[in-house]
């Protein structure tokens, strides 16, 4: 099986969508009362969190050097764009 690059931003986006969907399922089952403005706050907050996680992960992976060049790729590591 081919390995793929870990992308934590996609993980956070998926968890946000599952959380919002789960709350709506609970709302339709009558277990939770969801205010009408809740998705207008939750979705942008989740997208902001996704962007922050992706930016931090990108900075951590970049591994800056003094000359400004990115580090050479590791042997056997897939290059994805």
C-alpha atoms as a PDB file:
ATOM      1  CA  UNK A   1       0.000   0.000   0.000  1.00  0.00           C
ATOM      2  CA  UNK A   2       1.321   3.431  -0.890  1.00  0.00           C
ATOM      3  CA  UNK A   3       1.793   5.825   1.966  1.00  0.00           C
ATOM      4  CA  UNK A   4       0.426   9.326   1.774  1.00  0.00           C
ATOM      5  CA  UNK A   5       1.358  12.574   3.416  1.00  0.00           C
ATOM      6  CA  UNK A   6      -0.387  13.343   6.695  1.00  0.00           C
ATOM      7  CA  UNK A   7      -2.471  16.503   6.430  1.00  0.00           C
ATOM      8  CA  UNK A   8      -3.816  17.596   9.806  1.00  0.00           C
ATOM      9  CA  UNK A   9      -5.884  20.403   8.251  1.00  0.00           C
ATOM     10  CA  UNK A  10      -8.031  17.859   6.451  1.00  0.00           C
ATOM     11  CA  UNK A  11      -8.422  15.920   9.691  1.00  0.00           C
ATOM     12  CA  UNK A  12      -9.647  19.034  11.523  1.00  0.00           C
ATOM     13  CA  UNK A  13     -12.028  19.866   8.664  1.00  0.00           C
ATOM     14  CA  UNK A  14     -13.495  16.366   8.744  1.00  0.00           C
ATOM     15  CA  UNK A  15     -13.904  16.380  12.499  1.00  0.00           C
ATOM     16  CA  UNK A  16     -15.604  19.790  12.304  1.00  0.00           C
ATOM     17  CA  UNK A  17     -18.045  18.550   9.676  1.00  0.00           C
ATOM     18  CA  UNK A  18     -18.755  15.372  11.642  1.00  0.00           C
ATOM     19  CA  UNK A  19     -19.314  17.387  14.814  1.00  0.00           C
ATOM     20  CA  UNK A  20     -21.740  19.806  13.154  1.00  0.00           C
ATOM     21  CA  UNK A  21     -23.560  16.926  11.477  1.00  0.00           C
ATOM     22  CA  UNK A  22     -23.705  14.977  14.738  1.00  0.00           C
ATOM     23  CA  UNK A  23     -25.252  17.914  16.570  1.00  0.00           C
ATOM     24  CA  UNK A  24     -27.896  18.243  13.853  1.00  0.00           C
ATOM     25  CA  UNK A  25     -28.671  14.518  14.105  1.00  0.00           C
ATOM     26  CA  UNK A  26     -29.103  14.912  17.855  1.00  0.00           C
ATOM     27  CA  UNK A  27     -31.285  17.965  17.220  1.00  0.00           C
ATOM     28  CA  UNK A  28     -33.531  16.066  14.828  1.00  0.00           C
ATOM     29  CA  UNK A  29     -33.816  13.225  17.362  1.00  0.00           C
ATOM     30  CA  UNK A  30     -34.960  15.721  19.981  1.00  0.00           C
ATOM     31  CA  UNK A  31     -31.994  15.209  22.319  1.00  0.00           C
ATOM     32  CA  UNK A  32     -30.433  18.678  21.896  1.00  0.00           C
ATOM     33  CA  UNK A  33     -31.943  22.064  21.079  1.00  0.00           C
ATOM     34  CA  UNK A  34     -29.726  23.858  18.555  1.00  0.00           C
ATOM     35  CA  UNK A  35     -30.085  27.644  18.236  1.00  0.00           C
ATOM     36  CA  UNK A  36     -30.458  28.943  14.691  1.00  0.00           C
ATOM     37  CA  UNK A  37     -27.215  30.960  14.688  1.00  0.00           C
ATOM     38  CA  UNK A  38     -25.071  28.051  15.851  1.00  0.00           C
ATOM     39  CA  UNK A  39     -23.881  26.945  12.374  1.00  0.00           C
ATOM     40  CA  UNK A  40     -23.040  30.535  11.481  1.00  0.00           C
ATOM     41  CA  UNK A  41     -20.534  30.475  14.332  1.00  0.00           C
ATOM     42  CA  UNK A  42     -19.367  26.838  14.310  1.00  0.00           C
ATOM     43  CA  UNK A  43     -18.518  26.481  10.629  1.00  0.00           C
ATOM     44  CA  UNK A  44     -16.304  29.575  10.281  1.00  0.00           C
ATOM     45  CA  UNK A  45     -14.653  28.750  13.620  1.00  0.00           C
ATOM     46  CA  UNK A  46     -13.849  25.254  12.346  1.00  0.00           C
ATOM     47  CA  UNK A  47     -12.499  26.618   9.078  1.00  0.00           C
ATOM     48  CA  UNK A  48     -10.344  29.137  10.949  1.00  0.00           C
ATOM     49  CA  UNK A  49      -9.001  26.324  13.135  1.00  0.00           C
ATOM     50  CA  UNK A  50      -8.268  24.290   9.997  1.00  0.00           C
ATOM     51  CA  UNK A  51      -6.287  27.165   8.513  1.00  0.00           C
ATOM     52  CA  UNK A  52      -4.345  27.707  11.718  1.00  0.00           C
ATOM     53  CA  UNK A  53      -3.473  24.015  12.051  1.00  0.00           C
ATOM     54  CA  UNK A  54      -2.428  23.812   8.387  1.00  0.00           C
ATOM     55  CA  UNK A  55      -0.261  26.921   8.665  1.00  0.00           C
ATOM     56  CA  UNK A  56       1.459  25.716  11.822  1.00  0.00           C
ATOM     57  CA  UNK A  57       2.032  22.266  10.343  1.00  0.00           C
ATOM     58  CA  UNK A  58       3.474  23.794   7.181  1.00  0.00           C
ATOM     59  CA  UNK A  59       5.848  25.971   9.190  1.00  0.00           C
ATOM     60  CA  UNK A  60       6.930  23.016  11.292  1.00  0.00           C
ATOM     61  CA  UNK A  61       7.618  20.855   8.239  1.00  0.00           C
ATOM     62  CA  UNK A  62       9.447  23.505   6.299  1.00  0.00           C
ATOM     63  CA  UNK A  63      12.514  23.371   8.519  1.00  0.00           C
ATOM     64  CA  UNK A  64      14.108  26.630   7.446  1.00  0.00           C
ATOM     65  CA  UNK A  65      17.846  26.773   6.842  1.00  0.00           C
ATOM     66  CA  UNK A  66      20.165  29.775   7.065  1.00  0.00           C
ATOM     67  CA  UNK A  67      20.518  30.112   3.302  1.00  0.00           C
ATOM     68  CA  UNK A  68      16.747  30.131   2.795  1.00  0.00           C
ATOM     69  CA  UNK A  69      16.712  26.913   0.770  1.00  0.00           C
ATOM     70  CA  UNK A  70      14.382  24.091   1.789  1.00  0.00           C
ATOM     71  CA  UNK A  71      16.042  20.919   3.063  1.00  0.00           C
ATOM     72  CA  UNK A  72      16.672  18.183   0.498  1.00  0.00           C
ATOM     73  CA  UNK A  73      13.964  15.500   0.285  1.00  0.00           C
ATOM     74  CA  UNK A  74      14.520  12.350   2.288  1.00  0.00           C
ATOM     75  CA  UNK A  75      15.331   9.164   0.404  1.00  0.00           C
ATOM     76  CA  UNK A  76      12.238   7.174  -0.434  1.00  0.00           C
ATOM     77  CA  UNK A  77       9.854   9.870   0.686  1.00  0.00           C
ATOM     78  CA  UNK A  78       7.054  10.619  -1.798  1.00  0.00           C
ATOM     79  CA  UNK A  79       6.958  14.143  -3.136  1.00  0.00           C
ATOM     80  CA  UNK A  80       3.428  15.520  -3.287  1.00  0.00           C
ATOM     81  CA  UNK A  81       2.296  18.863  -4.615  1.00  0.00           C
END
